[in-house]
Amino acid sequence: MKLENLKPAKGATHNSKRVGRGQGSGKGGTATRGTKGAQARAGYEHKVGFEGGQMPIQRRLPKFGFKNPTRVAFKGVNVATIQALSEKLGLKEFDVETFIAAGIASKGELVKVLGNGEITAKVEVKANAFSKSAIAKIEAAGGKATVIE
């Protein structure tokens, strides 16, 4: 194989339609644009969502829903995940940076520890928020749950 022998696969390319090149081509006259109207003219650009004068779908459908501007979103981490990380990595202290390094949370995310699963390791966990069940399980295992800002 040589560089000069390379070519696209059969059927991968096609010749462009040459329009407006005289009547003999079969695509002269209106150049396949139809007759009259904005779409037949040069420089025509329709508005986003324009449906030819028909009421557009974004105006036909009713408005609904609510986006709470003061909502605080947390990344949930279960105590079972902390137990698994403790066994795998041998860690005894967990904070937000630990969860980011482990790929559980992203940088800048707030972390909330949730109580799903069981934990037997004695660990010290620092997070932005805790559920009541998570605090109970961590402290029952002899660990400590600390809320950080």
C-alpha atoms as a PDB file:
ATOM      1  CA  MET A   1       0.000   0.000   0.000  1.00  0.00           C
ATOM      2  CA  LYS A   2       1.255   3.462  -0.916  1.00  0.00           C
ATOM      3  CA  LEU A   3      -0.027   6.927  -0.065  1.00  0.00           C
ATOM      4  CA  GLU A   4      -0.813   7.692  -3.696  1.00  0.00           C
ATOM      5  CA  ASN A   5      -3.039   4.595  -3.876  1.00  0.00           C
ATOM      6  CA  LEU A   6      -5.297   5.586  -0.964  1.00  0.00           C
ATOM      7  CA  LYS A   7      -8.874   6.463  -1.828  1.00  0.00           C
ATOM      8  CA  PRO A   8     -12.258   6.410  -0.045  1.00  0.00           C
ATOM      9  CA  ALA A   9     -14.285   3.214   0.053  1.00  0.00           C
ATOM     10  CA  LYS A  10     -16.654   2.577  -2.838  1.00  0.00           C
ATOM     11  CA  GLY A  11     -19.908   4.482  -2.275  1.00  0.00           C
ATOM     12  CA  ALA A  12     -18.445   6.656   0.486  1.00  0.00           C
ATOM     13  CA  THR A  13     -18.308   9.773  -1.698  1.00  0.00           C
ATOM     14  CA  HIS A  14     -20.611  11.246  -4.325  1.00  0.00           C
ATOM     15  CA  ASN A  15     -20.470  14.073  -6.816  1.00  0.00           C
ATOM     16  CA  SER A  16     -22.206  17.282  -5.778  1.00  0.00           C
ATOM     17  CA  LYS A  17     -25.348  18.325  -7.651  1.00  0.00           C
ATOM     18  CA  ARG A  18     -24.406  21.099 -10.124  1.00  0.00           C
ATOM     19  CA  VAL A  19     -27.400  23.400 -10.206  1.00  0.00           C
ATOM     20  CA  GLY A  20     -28.043  26.648 -12.062  1.00  0.00           C
ATOM     21  CA  ARG A  21     -25.733  25.831 -14.971  1.00  0.00           C
ATOM     22  CA  GLY A  22     -28.181  26.262 -17.832  1.00  0.00           C
ATOM     23  CA  GLN A  23     -31.277  24.565 -19.189  1.00  0.00           C
ATOM     24  CA  GLY A  24     -29.322  21.763 -20.834  1.00  0.00           C
ATOM     25  CA  SER A  25     -28.284  20.425 -17.425  1.00  0.00           C
ATOM     26  CA  GLY A  26     -31.891  19.833 -16.388  1.00  0.00           C
ATOM     27  CA  LYS A  27     -31.276  21.857 -13.228  1.00  0.00           C
ATOM     28  CA  GLY A  28     -31.215  25.375 -14.704  1.00  0.00           C
ATOM     29  CA  GLY A  29     -33.816  28.095 -14.275  1.00  0.00           C
ATOM     30  CA  THR A  30     -34.800  27.929 -10.627  1.00  0.00           C
ATOM     31  CA  ALA A  31     -31.818  25.711  -9.680  1.00  0.00           C
ATOM     32  CA  THR A  32     -34.089  23.222  -7.804  1.00  0.00           C
ATOM     33  CA  ARG A  33     -35.291  25.959  -5.408  1.00  0.00           C
ATOM     34  CA  GLY A  34     -38.888  26.032  -6.648  1.00  0.00           C
ATOM     35  CA  THR A  35     -40.546  29.264  -7.665  1.00  0.00           C
ATOM     36  CA  LYS A  36     -40.722  32.484  -5.651  1.00  0.00           C
ATOM     37  CA  GLY A  37     -40.697  33.001  -1.895  1.00  0.00           C
ATOM     38  CA  ALA A  38     -37.921  33.629   0.610  1.00  0.00           C
ATOM     39  CA  GLN A  39     -36.467  30.135   0.195  1.00  0.00           C
ATOM     40  CA  ALA A  40     -35.927  30.736  -3.526  1.00  0.00           C
ATOM     41  CA  ARG A  41     -33.850  33.855  -2.834  1.00  0.00           C
ATOM     42  CA  ALA A  42     -30.159  34.103  -2.006  1.00  0.00           C
ATOM     43  CA  GLY A  43     -29.263  34.653   1.654  1.00  0.00           C
ATOM     44  CA  TYR A  44     -32.436  33.087   3.083  1.00  0.00           C
ATOM     45  CA  GLU A  45     -32.104  31.986   6.735  1.00  0.00           C
ATOM     46  CA  HIS A  46     -35.137  30.884   8.727  1.00  0.00           C
ATOM     47  CA  LYS A  47     -35.459  31.589  12.442  1.00  0.00           C
ATOM     48  CA  VAL A  48     -34.796  28.728  14.861  1.00  0.00           C
ATOM     49  CA  GLY A  49     -38.066  26.841  15.330  1.00  0.00           C
ATOM     50  CA  PHE A  50     -39.791  28.562  12.394  1.00  0.00           C
ATOM     51  CA  GLU A  51     -42.498  26.335  10.921  1.00  0.00           C
ATOM     52  CA  GLY A  52     -43.628  28.328   7.908  1.00  0.00           C
ATOM     53  CA  GLY A  53     -46.039  30.561   9.816  1.00  0.00           C
ATOM     54  CA  GLN A  54     -47.669  27.687  11.685  1.00  0.00           C
ATOM     55  CA  MET A  55     -47.614  28.170  15.459  1.00  0.00           C
ATOM     56  CA  PRO A  56     -44.218  26.671  16.479  1.00  0.00           C
ATOM     57  CA  ILE A  57     -44.103  23.717  18.842  1.00  0.00           C
ATOM     58  CA  GLN A  58     -42.328  25.711  21.563  1.00  0.00           C
ATOM     59  CA  ARG A  59     -45.348  28.049  21.623  1.00  0.00           C
ATOM     60  CA  ARG A  60     -48.011  25.327  21.208  1.00  0.00           C
ATOM     61  CA  LEU A  61     -46.868  23.439  24.299  1.00  0.00           C
ATOM     62  CA  PRO A  62     -47.656  24.844  27.744  1.00  0.00           C
ATOM     63  CA  LYS A  63     -44.976  26.003  30.162  1.00  0.00           C
ATOM     64  CA  PHE A  64     -44.416  23.822  33.208  1.00  0.00           C
ATOM     65  CA  GLY A  65     -41.886  23.020  35.893  1.00  0.00           C
ATOM     66  CA  PHE A  66     -39.739  24.994  38.260  1.00  0.00           C
ATOM     67  CA  LYS A  67     -35.989  25.330  38.698  1.00  0.00           C
ATOM     68  CA  ASN A  68     -35.123  26.148  42.301  1.00  0.00           C
ATOM     69  CA  PRO A  69     -32.318  28.737  42.221  1.00  0.00           C
ATOM     70  CA  THR A  70     -31.307  28.028  45.832  1.00  0.00           C
ATOM     71  CA  ARG A  71     -31.076  24.222  45.469  1.00  0.00           C
ATOM     72  CA  VAL A  72     -27.923  22.657  46.904  1.00  0.00           C
ATOM     73  CA  ALA A  73     -26.889  19.499  45.022  1.00  0.00           C
ATOM     74  CA  PHE A  74     -24.841  16.827  46.801  1.00  0.00           C
ATOM     75  CA  LYS A  75     -22.971  13.818  45.455  1.00  0.00           C
ATOM     76  CA  GLY A  76     -24.151  10.830  47.484  1.00  0.00           C
ATOM     77  CA  VAL A  77     -21.601   8.383  48.869  1.00  0.00           C
ATOM     78  CA  ASN A  78     -22.886   5.338  50.747  1.00  0.00           C
ATOM     79  CA  VAL A  79     -21.234   3.867  53.837  1.00  0.00           C
ATOM     80  CA  ALA A  80     -20.872   0.606  51.885  1.00  0.00           C
ATOM     81  CA  THR A  81     -18.611   2.485  49.430  1.00  0.00           C
ATOM     82  CA  ILE A  82     -16.537   3.827  52.321  1.00  0.00           C
ATOM     83  CA  GLN A  83     -16.233   0.283  53.714  1.00  0.00           C
ATOM     84  CA  ALA A  84     -15.089  -1.025  50.298  1.00  0.00           C
ATOM     85  CA  LEU A  85     -12.520   1.780  49.927  1.00  0.00           C
ATOM     86  CA  SER A  86     -11.266   1.189  53.451  1.00  0.00           C
ATOM     87  CA  GLU A  87     -10.701  -2.523  52.705  1.00  0.00           C
ATOM     88  CA  LYS A  88      -9.196  -1.897  49.264  1.00  0.00           C
ATOM     89  CA  LEU A  89      -6.891   1.033  50.062  1.00  0.00           C
ATOM     90  CA  GLY A  90      -6.452   0.529  53.808  1.00  0.00           C
ATOM     91  CA  LEU A  91      -7.592   4.078  54.605  1.00  0.00           C
ATOM     92  CA  LYS A  92      -8.823   5.158  58.041  1.00  0.00           C
ATOM     93  CA  GLU A  93      -9.537   8.832  57.271  1.00  0.00           C
ATOM     94  CA  PHE A  94     -11.841  10.021  54.490  1.00  0.00           C
ATOM     95  CA  ASP A  95     -12.484  13.544  53.287  1.00  0.00           C
ATOM     96  CA  VAL A  96     -13.752  15.161  50.069  1.00  0.00           C
ATOM     97  CA  GLU A  97     -10.265  15.038  48.478  1.00  0.00           C
ATOM     98  CA  THR A  98     -10.128  11.277  49.134  1.00  0.00           C
ATOM     99  CA  PHE A  99     -13.433  10.774  47.297  1.00  0.00           C
ATOM    100  CA  ILE A 100     -12.208  12.929  44.393  1.00  0.00           C
ATOM    101  CA  ALA A 101      -8.955  10.942  44.176  1.00  0.00           C
ATOM    102  CA  ALA A 102     -10.939   7.676  44.187  1.00  0.00           C
ATOM    103  CA  GLY A 103     -13.098   8.944  41.299  1.00  0.00           C
ATOM    104  CA  ILE A 104     -16.328   8.895  43.312  1.00  0.00           C
ATOM    105  CA  ALA A 105     -16.864  12.678  43.305  1.00  0.00           C
ATOM    106  CA  SER A 106     -15.774  15.436  40.961  1.00  0.00           C
ATOM    107  CA  LYS A 107     -13.795  18.504  41.901  1.00  0.00           C
ATOM    108  CA  GLY A 108     -16.058  21.207  43.323  1.00  0.00           C
ATOM    109  CA  GLU A 109     -18.905  18.814  44.202  1.00  0.00           C
ATOM    110  CA  LEU A 110     -20.408  18.726  47.679  1.00  0.00           C
ATOM    111  CA  VAL A 111     -20.357  15.246  49.227  1.00  0.00           C
ATOM    112  CA  LYS A 112     -23.117  13.787  51.394  1.00  0.00           C
ATOM    113  CA  VAL A 113     -22.565  10.444  53.133  1.00  0.00           C
ATOM    114  CA  LEU A 114     -25.645   8.219  53.016  1.00  0.00           C
ATOM    115  CA  GLY A 115     -26.491   5.207  55.148  1.00  0.00           C
ATOM    116  CA  ASN A 116     -26.982   2.501  52.505  1.00  0.00           C
ATOM    117  CA  GLY A 117     -25.030  -0.680  53.290  1.00  0.00           C
ATOM    118  CA  GLU A 118     -23.015  -1.805  56.284  1.00  0.00           C
ATOM    119  CA  ILE A 119     -19.732  -0.516  57.700  1.00  0.00           C
ATOM    120  CA  THR A 120     -17.466  -2.361  60.121  1.00  0.00           C
ATOM    121  CA  ALA A 121     -14.238  -0.377  59.718  1.00  0.00           C
ATOM    122  CA  LYS A 122     -13.371   2.246  62.315  1.00  0.00           C
ATOM    123  CA  VAL A 123     -13.007   5.309  60.094  1.00  0.00           C
ATOM    124  CA  GLU A 124     -13.026   9.073  60.456  1.00  0.00           C
ATOM    125  CA  VAL A 125     -15.138  10.692  57.728  1.00  0.00           C
ATOM    126  CA  LYS A 126     -15.228  14.403  56.896  1.00  0.00           C
ATOM    127  CA  ALA A 127     -17.913  15.455  54.414  1.00  0.00           C
ATOM    128  CA  ASN A 128     -20.223  18.361  53.609  1.00  0.00           C
ATOM    129  CA  ALA A 129     -23.318  16.544  54.937  1.00  0.00           C
ATOM    130  CA  PHE A 130     -24.419  13.256  56.511  1.00  0.00           C
ATOM    131  CA  SER A 131     -27.710  11.427  56.769  1.00  0.00           C
ATOM    132  CA  LYS A 132     -28.814  10.418  60.267  1.00  0.00           C
ATOM    133  CA  SER A 133     -28.486   6.718  59.446  1.00  0.00           C
ATOM    134  CA  ALA A 134     -24.937   7.249  58.099  1.00  0.00           C
ATOM    135  CA  ILE A 135     -23.848   8.998  61.302  1.00  0.00           C
ATOM    136  CA  ALA A 136     -25.399   6.206  63.384  1.00  0.00           C
ATOM    137  CA  LYS A 137     -23.644   3.452  61.384  1.00  0.00           C
ATOM    138  CA  ILE A 138     -20.232   5.174  61.367  1.00  0.00           C
ATOM    139  CA  GLU A 139     -20.350   5.858  65.118  1.00  0.00           C
ATOM    140  CA  ALA A 140     -21.657   2.341  65.845  1.00  0.00           C
ATOM    141  CA  ALA A 141     -18.547   0.969  64.114  1.00  0.00           C
ATOM    142  CA  GLY A 142     -16.382   3.147  66.379  1.00  0.00           C
ATOM    143  CA  GLY A 143     -15.715   5.854  63.804  1.00  0.00           C
ATOM    144  CA  LYS A 144     -16.312   9.583  63.699  1.00  0.00           C
ATOM    145  CA  ALA A 145     -18.444  11.699  61.330  1.00  0.00           C
ATOM    146  CA  THR A 146     -17.477  15.362  60.980  1.00  0.00           C
ATOM    147  CA  VAL A 147     -19.382  17.968  58.943  1.00  0.00           C
ATOM    148  CA  ILE A 148     -17.174  20.449  57.057  1.00  0.00           C
ATOM    149  CA  GLU A 149     -18.147  23.706  55.390  1.00  0.00           C
END
